[in-house]
Amino acid sequence: MGIVVPVKDGKVVDETGSANSLSQVTKSSNSALDKEAFLQLLVAQMKYQDPLEPTSNTEYISQLATFSSLEEMQNLNSSMESQQATNLIGKTVIMKVTSTTGATNVVQGRVDYIVKERGKLYLSIEDKLYSLDDLDKVIDDDYLDAVSIAEDFKKVVDELPDPKNLTLKDKSDLEIVRKAYNSLTTYQQQMIEKYYPSSLKKLQELVAKMKELDESSGSDNDSEDNKTDGENSGGDKNEETPKS
C-alpha cells in the first residue's frame, strides 16, 4: 500500500492549501492518543492513499478493532489505578519523590484523599500532593504500632541497670517493665525479638538476677504478691518470665 500526501513548506496540506488535521494530530501535546485522534489519522490515511494501491476495507476495520481493544485495556488500567488509589485513603505510605535535580526524597505519611488531574492520580499527604507513580510502600497500622512499641521497649530497658549492678531497690521498676512486656500481643513481642533481641535478653537476665537476689535475701514478698495476684486473676500471664 502506498500513501500520497501533499507537502508544502514541510507541512501536510489538503487541496486548498490549509494545514491538514494529520499534522495537528502529530503535534498534539504529550497526551496519549485518544479515539478521536486515531479517527483523524484514519481519515487522513484514507484521503491520501495511493489510488493505484488502495487500502482494503478489511484492513481499516482491523486497525479500528485493534485500537478499540487497546482503548479498552487503557480504560481498564485507569479504573484499576483509581481503585488502588482509593484503597490507599487512610493508609500510611512511603513515597520516593525524585526532584528536578535528580535527588530522591522519601516522604512518609497518611493519605487523606486522592485527586485526579489531567488524567493522573495524586495522593494528598499532609496537604501536599504526590503522584501515585511515586508510591514505594504501603505500611500496615499494626506494624507501625508494633515497631513503635519495640522502640519504646528498648529505651525503657536501656534505662535499667546492668544485671551485675542490680539491687533490690530496682525491683519495682523491673516489675513494671516485665509486666508491660508480658501484656503485649504475640506479634508485638515478636517485633521486639526481631529488632531488639539484646534488649529482650537483658530483661530476661535482670528478671533471673532479681530472683536470685530475692532468694539470697530470704525475702518472700514477691512470692506472696504473686500468690495474691494468682488468686485474684486465676493465673495472670504477667507473672511469667519474658521469653524470646
C-alpha atoms as a PDB file:
ATOM      1  CA  MET A   1       0.000   0.000   0.000  1.00  0.00           C
ATOM      2  CA  GLY A   2       1.207   3.493  -0.790  1.00  0.00           C
ATOM      3  CA  ILE A   3       0.060   6.818   0.633  1.00  0.00           C
ATOM      4  CA  VAL A   4       0.382  10.053  -1.328  1.00  0.00           C
ATOM      5  CA  VAL A   5       0.499  13.115   0.894  1.00  0.00           C
ATOM      6  CA  PRO A   6       0.888  16.656  -0.475  1.00  0.00           C
ATOM      7  CA  VAL A   7       3.537  18.600   1.403  1.00  0.00           C
ATOM      8  CA  LYS A   8       4.141  22.347   1.389  1.00  0.00           C
ATOM      9  CA  ASP A   9       6.804  24.118   3.445  1.00  0.00           C
ATOM     10  CA  GLY A  10       7.326  20.912   5.405  1.00  0.00           C
ATOM     11  CA  LYS A  11       3.619  20.631   6.346  1.00  0.00           C
ATOM     12  CA  VAL A  12       0.904  18.259   5.200  1.00  0.00           C
ATOM     13  CA  VAL A  13      -1.795  20.254   3.405  1.00  0.00           C
ATOM     14  CA  ASP A  14      -5.026  19.490   1.600  1.00  0.00           C
ATOM     15  CA  GLU A  15      -6.003  20.718  -1.862  1.00  0.00           C
ATOM     16  CA  THR A  16      -6.961  24.171  -0.588  1.00  0.00           C
ATOM     17  CA  GLY A  17      -3.535  24.677   0.983  1.00  0.00           C
ATOM     18  CA  SER A  18      -4.762  24.723   4.584  1.00  0.00           C
ATOM     19  CA  ALA A  19      -2.926  22.751   7.256  1.00  0.00           C
ATOM     20  CA  ASN A  20      -4.229  19.215   7.414  1.00  0.00           C
ATOM     21  CA  SER A  21      -5.551  17.651  10.598  1.00  0.00           C
ATOM     22  CA  LEU A  22      -2.842  14.990  10.345  1.00  0.00           C
ATOM     23  CA  SER A  23      -0.155  17.489  11.266  1.00  0.00           C
ATOM     24  CA  GLN A  24      -2.315  18.731  14.142  1.00  0.00           C
ATOM     25  CA  VAL A  25      -2.591  15.215  15.496  1.00  0.00           C
ATOM     26  CA  THR A  26       1.142  14.533  15.328  1.00  0.00           C
ATOM     27  CA  LYS A  27       1.816  17.850  17.087  1.00  0.00           C
ATOM     28  CA  SER A  28      -0.522  17.124  19.967  1.00  0.00           C
ATOM     29  CA  SER A  29       0.928  17.507  23.429  1.00  0.00           C
ATOM     30  CA  ASN A  30       2.404  14.571  25.266  1.00  0.00           C
ATOM     31  CA  SER A  31      -1.096  13.210  25.974  1.00  0.00           C
ATOM     32  CA  ALA A  32      -1.995   9.658  24.981  1.00  0.00           C
ATOM     33  CA  LEU A  33      -3.541   9.017  21.568  1.00  0.00           C
ATOM     34  CA  ASP A  34      -7.312   9.016  22.074  1.00  0.00           C
ATOM     35  CA  LYS A  35     -10.057   7.657  19.843  1.00  0.00           C
ATOM     36  CA  GLU A  36     -10.775  10.991  18.170  1.00  0.00           C
ATOM     37  CA  ALA A  37      -7.117  11.451  17.210  1.00  0.00           C
ATOM     38  CA  PHE A  38      -6.984   7.907  15.883  1.00  0.00           C
ATOM     39  CA  LEU A  39     -10.044   8.511  13.697  1.00  0.00           C
ATOM     40  CA  GLN A  40      -8.441  11.683  12.334  1.00  0.00           C
ATOM     41  CA  LEU A  41      -5.370   9.683  11.377  1.00  0.00           C
ATOM     42  CA  LEU A  42      -7.548   7.019   9.805  1.00  0.00           C
ATOM     43  CA  VAL A  43      -9.440   9.609   7.739  1.00  0.00           C
ATOM     44  CA  ALA A  44      -6.161  11.182   6.622  1.00  0.00           C
ATOM     45  CA  GLN A  45      -4.881   7.752   5.638  1.00  0.00           C
ATOM     46  CA  MET A  46      -7.999   7.091   3.555  1.00  0.00           C
ATOM     47  CA  LYS A  47      -7.915  10.558   1.996  1.00  0.00           C
ATOM     48  CA  TYR A  48      -4.296  10.434   0.863  1.00  0.00           C
ATOM     49  CA  GLN A  49      -3.969   6.767  -0.057  1.00  0.00           C
ATOM     50  CA  ASP A  50      -2.471   5.842  -3.402  1.00  0.00           C
ATOM     51  CA  PRO A  51      -5.382   5.314  -5.830  1.00  0.00           C
ATOM     52  CA  LEU A  52      -3.320   2.691  -7.630  1.00  0.00           C
ATOM     53  CA  GLU A  53      -2.840   0.710  -4.401  1.00  0.00           C
ATOM     54  CA  PRO A  54      -5.925   1.447  -2.282  1.00  0.00           C
ATOM     55  CA  THR A  55      -6.207   0.099   1.223  1.00  0.00           C
ATOM     56  CA  SER A  56      -8.870  -2.573   1.658  1.00  0.00           C
ATOM     57  CA  ASN A  57     -11.847  -2.031   3.945  1.00  0.00           C
ATOM     58  CA  THR A  58     -10.832  -5.120   5.866  1.00  0.00           C
ATOM     59  CA  GLU A  59      -7.548  -3.515   6.849  1.00  0.00           C
ATOM     60  CA  TYR A  60      -9.310  -0.358   8.064  1.00  0.00           C
ATOM     61  CA  ILE A  61     -11.717  -2.425  10.153  1.00  0.00           C
ATOM     62  CA  SER A  62      -8.815  -4.420  11.572  1.00  0.00           C
ATOM     63  CA  GLN A  63      -6.989  -1.237  12.557  1.00  0.00           C
ATOM     64  CA  LEU A  64     -10.110   0.164  14.235  1.00  0.00           C
ATOM     65  CA  ALA A  65     -10.723  -3.102  16.110  1.00  0.00           C
ATOM     66  CA  THR A  66      -7.120  -3.176  17.293  1.00  0.00           C
ATOM     67  CA  PHE A  67      -7.347   0.373  18.546  1.00  0.00           C
ATOM     68  CA  SER A  68     -10.678  -0.318  20.269  1.00  0.00           C
ATOM     69  CA  SER A  69      -9.110  -3.241  22.125  1.00  0.00           C
ATOM     70  CA  LEU A  70      -6.180  -1.053  23.156  1.00  0.00           C
ATOM     71  CA  GLU A  71      -8.542   1.666  24.336  1.00  0.00           C
ATOM     72  CA  GLU A  72     -10.479  -0.832  26.466  1.00  0.00           C
ATOM     73  CA  MET A  73      -7.248  -2.013  28.062  1.00  0.00           C
ATOM     74  CA  GLN A  74      -6.274   1.587  28.825  1.00  0.00           C
ATOM     75  CA  ASN A  75      -9.695   2.233  30.371  1.00  0.00           C
ATOM     76  CA  LEU A  76      -9.386  -0.926  32.481  1.00  0.00           C
ATOM     77  CA  ASN A  77      -5.903   0.083  33.625  1.00  0.00           C
ATOM     78  CA  SER A  78      -7.165   3.553  34.545  1.00  0.00           C
ATOM     79  CA  SER A  79     -10.043   2.049  36.505  1.00  0.00           C
ATOM     80  CA  MET A  80      -7.693  -0.264  38.407  1.00  0.00           C
ATOM     81  CA  GLU A  81      -5.368   2.627  39.250  1.00  0.00           C
ATOM     82  CA  SER A  82      -8.309   4.646  40.567  1.00  0.00           C
ATOM     83  CA  GLN A  83      -9.382   1.716  42.738  1.00  0.00           C
ATOM     84  CA  GLN A  84      -5.837   1.290  44.017  1.00  0.00           C
ATOM     85  CA  ALA A  85      -5.598   4.968  44.923  1.00  0.00           C
ATOM     86  CA  THR A  86      -8.998   4.879  46.645  1.00  0.00           C
ATOM     87  CA  ASN A  87      -7.931   1.900  48.775  1.00  0.00           C
ATOM     88  CA  LEU A  88      -4.918   3.911  49.984  1.00  0.00           C
ATOM     89  CA  ILE A  89      -7.070   6.537  51.718  1.00  0.00           C
ATOM     90  CA  GLY A  90      -6.367   6.319  55.454  1.00  0.00           C
ATOM     91  CA  LYS A  91      -3.271   4.170  54.925  1.00  0.00           C
ATOM     92  CA  THR A  92       0.286   5.099  55.853  1.00  0.00           C
ATOM     93  CA  VAL A  93       2.524   5.134  52.789  1.00  0.00           C
ATOM     94  CA  ILE A  94       6.114   5.838  51.834  1.00  0.00           C
ATOM     95  CA  MET A  95       6.715   7.889  48.700  1.00  0.00           C
ATOM     96  CA  LYS A  96      10.008   8.178  46.821  1.00  0.00           C
ATOM     97  CA  VAL A  97       9.953  11.518  45.047  1.00  0.00           C
ATOM     98  CA  THR A  98      12.659  12.483  42.555  1.00  0.00           C
ATOM     99  CA  SER A  99      13.370  16.225  42.463  1.00  0.00           C
ATOM    100  CA  THR A 100      14.358  18.254  39.426  1.00  0.00           C
ATOM    101  CA  THR A 101      17.998  17.929  40.496  1.00  0.00           C
ATOM    102  CA  GLY A 102      17.771  14.135  40.434  1.00  0.00           C
ATOM    103  CA  ALA A 103      17.821  13.692  44.201  1.00  0.00           C
ATOM    104  CA  THR A 104      15.362  11.207  45.730  1.00  0.00           C
ATOM    105  CA  ASN A 105      13.362  12.334  48.752  1.00  0.00           C
ATOM    106  CA  VAL A 106      11.482   9.894  50.985  1.00  0.00           C
ATOM    107  CA  VAL A 107       8.106  11.056  52.302  1.00  0.00           C
ATOM    108  CA  GLN A 108       6.075   9.075  54.845  1.00  0.00           C
ATOM    109  CA  GLY A 109       2.553   9.928  55.946  1.00  0.00           C
ATOM    110  CA  ARG A 110      -1.135   9.056  55.934  1.00  0.00           C
ATOM    111  CA  VAL A 111      -3.167   9.501  52.750  1.00  0.00           C
ATOM    112  CA  ASP A 112      -6.028  11.946  53.387  1.00  0.00           C
ATOM    113  CA  TYR A 113      -7.650  11.911  49.941  1.00  0.00           C
ATOM    114  CA  ILE A 114      -6.900  11.432  46.248  1.00  0.00           C
ATOM    115  CA  VAL A 115      -7.043  13.892  43.360  1.00  0.00           C
ATOM    116  CA  LYS A 116      -7.201  13.272  39.613  1.00  0.00           C
ATOM    117  CA  GLU A 117      -5.705  15.994  37.439  1.00  0.00           C
ATOM    118  CA  ARG A 118      -5.150  15.743  33.691  1.00  0.00           C
ATOM    119  CA  GLY A 119      -5.601  12.001  33.781  1.00  0.00           C
ATOM    120  CA  LYS A 120      -3.072  11.466  36.593  1.00  0.00           C
ATOM    121  CA  LEU A 121      -3.810  10.428  40.169  1.00  0.00           C
ATOM    122  CA  TYR A 122      -2.282  12.201  43.148  1.00  0.00           C
ATOM    123  CA  LEU A 123      -2.230  11.314  46.852  1.00  0.00           C
ATOM    124  CA  SER A 124      -2.702  14.062  49.430  1.00  0.00           C
ATOM    125  CA  ILE A 125      -0.280  13.671  52.348  1.00  0.00           C
ATOM    126  CA  GLU A 126      -0.124  16.458  54.923  1.00  0.00           C
ATOM    127  CA  ASP A 127      -1.764  18.905  52.459  1.00  0.00           C
ATOM    128  CA  LYS A 128       0.742  18.126  49.687  1.00  0.00           C
ATOM    129  CA  LEU A 129       0.028  16.181  46.502  1.00  0.00           C
ATOM    130  CA  TYR A 130       2.254  13.322  45.358  1.00  0.00           C
ATOM    131  CA  SER A 131       1.936  11.315  42.153  1.00  0.00           C
ATOM    132  CA  LEU A 132       0.693   7.755  42.525  1.00  0.00           C
ATOM    133  CA  ASP A 133       3.679   6.776  40.370  1.00  0.00           C
ATOM    134  CA  ASP A 134       5.978   7.723  43.281  1.00  0.00           C
ATOM    135  CA  LEU A 135       4.367   5.200  45.652  1.00  0.00           C
ATOM    136  CA  ASP A 136       7.028   2.939  47.193  1.00  0.00           C
ATOM    137  CA  LYS A 137       5.465   1.144  50.174  1.00  0.00           C
ATOM    138  CA  VAL A 138       2.148   0.776  51.992  1.00  0.00           C
ATOM    139  CA  ILE A 139       2.548   0.198  55.732  1.00  0.00           C
ATOM    140  CA  ASP A 140       0.112  -1.736  57.919  1.00  0.00           C
ATOM    141  CA  ASP A 141      -1.041   0.160  61.016  1.00  0.00           C
ATOM    142  CA  ASP A 142      -0.449  -2.854  63.292  1.00  0.00           C
ATOM    143  CA  TYR A 143       3.111  -2.995  62.019  1.00  0.00           C
ATOM    144  CA  LEU A 144       3.663   0.679  62.816  1.00  0.00           C
ATOM    145  CA  ASP A 145       2.265   0.221  66.327  1.00  0.00           C
ATOM    146  CA  ALA A 146       4.465  -2.826  66.933  1.00  0.00           C
ATOM    147  CA  VAL A 147       7.584  -1.017  65.721  1.00  0.00           C
ATOM    148  CA  SER A 148       6.802   1.985  67.934  1.00  0.00           C
ATOM    149  CA  ILE A 149       6.272  -0.273  70.964  1.00  0.00           C
ATOM    150  CA  ALA A 150       9.537  -2.084  70.244  1.00  0.00           C
ATOM    151  CA  GLU A 151      11.415   1.220  70.138  1.00  0.00           C
ATOM    152  CA  ASP A 152       9.859   2.312  73.453  1.00  0.00           C
ATOM    153  CA  PHE A 153      10.713  -1.065  74.980  1.00  0.00           C
ATOM    154  CA  LYS A 154      14.366  -0.654  74.057  1.00  0.00           C
ATOM    155  CA  LYS A 155      14.505   2.840  75.571  1.00  0.00           C
ATOM    156  CA  VAL A 156      12.979   1.645  78.860  1.00  0.00           C
ATOM    157  CA  VAL A 157      15.243  -1.393  79.127  1.00  0.00           C
ATOM    158  CA  ASP A 158      18.288   0.753  78.372  1.00  0.00           C
ATOM    159  CA  GLU A 159      17.454   2.830  81.470  1.00  0.00           C
ATOM    160  CA  LEU A 160      17.518  -0.239  83.703  1.00  0.00           C
ATOM    161  CA  PRO A 161      20.855  -1.115  85.365  1.00  0.00           C
ATOM    162  CA  ASP A 162      23.081  -3.903  84.121  1.00  0.00           C
ATOM    163  CA  PRO A 163      22.334  -7.282  85.725  1.00  0.00           C
ATOM    164  CA  LYS A 164      25.637  -7.181  87.669  1.00  0.00           C
ATOM    165  CA  ASN A 165      24.627  -3.820  89.204  1.00  0.00           C
ATOM    166  CA  LEU A 166      21.036  -4.816  90.004  1.00  0.00           C
ATOM    167  CA  THR A 167      19.794  -4.355  93.587  1.00  0.00           C
ATOM    168  CA  LEU A 168      16.527  -4.963  95.384  1.00  0.00           C
ATOM    169  CA  LYS A 169      15.795  -1.249  95.086  1.00  0.00           C
ATOM    170  CA  ASP A 170      15.300  -1.786  91.343  1.00  0.00           C
ATOM    171  CA  LYS A 171      12.642  -4.439  91.884  1.00  0.00           C
ATOM    172  CA  SER A 172       9.583  -2.239  91.400  1.00  0.00           C
ATOM    173  CA  ASP A 173      10.896  -0.673  88.177  1.00  0.00           C
ATOM    174  CA  LEU A 174      11.860  -4.075  86.816  1.00  0.00           C
ATOM    175  CA  GLU A 175       8.469  -5.494  87.693  1.00  0.00           C
ATOM    176  CA  ILE A 176       6.712  -2.731  85.757  1.00  0.00           C
ATOM    177  CA  VAL A 177       8.759  -3.429  82.624  1.00  0.00           C
ATOM    178  CA  ARG A 178       8.290  -7.189  82.943  1.00  0.00           C
ATOM    179  CA  LYS A 179       4.536  -6.929  83.291  1.00  0.00           C
ATOM    180  CA  ALA A 180       4.354  -4.451  80.421  1.00  0.00           C
ATOM    181  CA  TYR A 181       6.224  -6.859  78.153  1.00  0.00           C
ATOM    182  CA  ASN A 182       4.052  -9.812  79.120  1.00  0.00           C
ATOM    183  CA  SER A 183       0.919  -7.784  78.391  1.00  0.00           C
ATOM    184  CA  LEU A 184       1.937  -7.276  74.742  1.00  0.00           C
ATOM    185  CA  THR A 185       0.480  -9.309  71.905  1.00  0.00           C
ATOM    186  CA  THR A 186       2.491 -12.131  70.391  1.00  0.00           C
ATOM    187  CA  TYR A 187       3.038 -10.047  67.252  1.00  0.00           C
ATOM    188  CA  GLN A 188       4.406  -7.116  69.289  1.00  0.00           C
ATOM    189  CA  GLN A 189       6.701  -9.406  71.259  1.00  0.00           C
ATOM    190  CA  GLN A 190       7.962 -10.941  68.017  1.00  0.00           C
ATOM    191  CA  MET A 191       8.778  -7.465  66.743  1.00  0.00           C
ATOM    192  CA  ILE A 192      10.887  -6.812  69.845  1.00  0.00           C
ATOM    193  CA  GLU A 193      12.645 -10.137  69.415  1.00  0.00           C
ATOM    194  CA  LYS A 194      13.312  -9.365  65.755  1.00  0.00           C
ATOM    195  CA  TYR A 195      14.663  -5.824  66.055  1.00  0.00           C
ATOM    196  CA  TYR A 196      15.913  -5.590  69.651  1.00  0.00           C
ATOM    197  CA  PRO A 197      16.988  -9.089  70.759  1.00  0.00           C
ATOM    198  CA  SER A 198      19.728  -7.699  73.008  1.00  0.00           C
ATOM    199  CA  SER A 199      17.180  -5.614  74.955  1.00  0.00           C
ATOM    200  CA  LEU A 200      14.960  -8.653  75.430  1.00  0.00           C
ATOM    201  CA  LYS A 201      17.941 -10.706  76.592  1.00  0.00           C
ATOM    202  CA  LYS A 202      18.860  -8.011  79.105  1.00  0.00           C
ATOM    203  CA  LEU A 203      15.326  -8.036  80.547  1.00  0.00           C
ATOM    204  CA  GLN A 204      15.439 -11.828  80.895  1.00  0.00           C
ATOM    205  CA  GLU A 205      18.807 -11.623  82.669  1.00  0.00           C
ATOM    206  CA  LEU A 206      17.517  -8.912  85.002  1.00  0.00           C
ATOM    207  CA  VAL A 207      14.468 -10.970  85.945  1.00  0.00           C
ATOM    208  CA  ALA A 208      16.654 -14.007  86.650  1.00  0.00           C
ATOM    209  CA  LYS A 209      19.092 -11.881  88.661  1.00  0.00           C
ATOM    210  CA  MET A 210      16.281 -10.362  90.741  1.00  0.00           C
ATOM    211  CA  LYS A 211      15.027 -13.831  91.557  1.00  0.00           C
ATOM    212  CA  GLU A 212      18.479 -14.725  92.846  1.00  0.00           C
ATOM    213  CA  LEU A 213      18.582 -11.573  94.964  1.00  0.00           C
ATOM    214  CA  ASP A 214      15.198 -12.385  96.455  1.00  0.00           C
ATOM    215  CA  GLU A 215      16.275 -15.911  97.318  1.00  0.00           C
ATOM    216  CA  SER A 216      19.575 -14.788  98.812  1.00  0.00           C
ATOM    217  CA  SER A 217      17.905 -12.123 100.933  1.00  0.00           C
ATOM    218  CA  GLY A 218      15.312 -14.563 102.212  1.00  0.00           C
ATOM    219  CA  SER A 219      12.542 -12.204 101.076  1.00  0.00           C
ATOM    220  CA  ASP A 220       9.208 -13.782 100.305  1.00  0.00           C
ATOM    221  CA  ASN A 221       7.342 -10.574  99.462  1.00  0.00           C
ATOM    222  CA  ASP A 222       7.394 -11.250  95.771  1.00  0.00           C
ATOM    223  CA  SER A 223       6.051 -14.785  96.143  1.00  0.00           C
ATOM    224  CA  GLU A 224       3.218 -13.534  98.371  1.00  0.00           C
ATOM    225  CA  ASP A 225       2.356 -10.860  95.824  1.00  0.00           C
ATOM    226  CA  ASN A 226       2.309 -13.446  93.044  1.00  0.00           C
ATOM    227  CA  LYS A 227       0.098 -15.710  95.092  1.00  0.00           C
ATOM    228  CA  THR A 228      -2.384 -12.919  95.721  1.00  0.00           C
ATOM    229  CA  ASP A 229      -2.380 -11.924  92.075  1.00  0.00           C
ATOM    230  CA  GLY A 230      -2.870 -15.534  91.016  1.00  0.00           C
ATOM    231  CA  GLU A 231      -5.825 -15.964  93.356  1.00  0.00           C
ATOM    232  CA  ASN A 232      -7.473 -12.801  92.079  1.00  0.00           C
ATOM    233  CA  SER A 233      -6.898 -13.348  88.370  1.00  0.00           C
ATOM    234  CA  GLY A 234      -6.780 -17.112  88.049  1.00  0.00           C
ATOM    235  CA  GLY A 235      -3.138 -17.084  86.955  1.00  0.00           C
ATOM    236  CA  ASP A 236      -2.042 -13.830  85.355  1.00  0.00           C
ATOM    237  CA  LYS A 237       0.368 -14.298  82.450  1.00  0.00           C
ATOM    238  CA  ASN A 238       2.062 -11.059  83.576  1.00  0.00           C
ATOM    239  CA  GLU A 239       3.825 -13.086  86.252  1.00  0.00           C
ATOM    240  CA  GLU A 240       5.680 -15.117  83.643  1.00  0.00           C
ATOM    241  CA  THR A 241       9.339 -14.597  82.855  1.00  0.00           C
ATOM    242  CA  PRO A 242       9.795 -12.848  79.487  1.00  0.00           C
ATOM    243  CA  LYS A 243      10.524 -15.373  76.785  1.00  0.00           C
ATOM    244  CA  SER A 244      12.198 -14.872  73.435  1.00  0.00           C
END
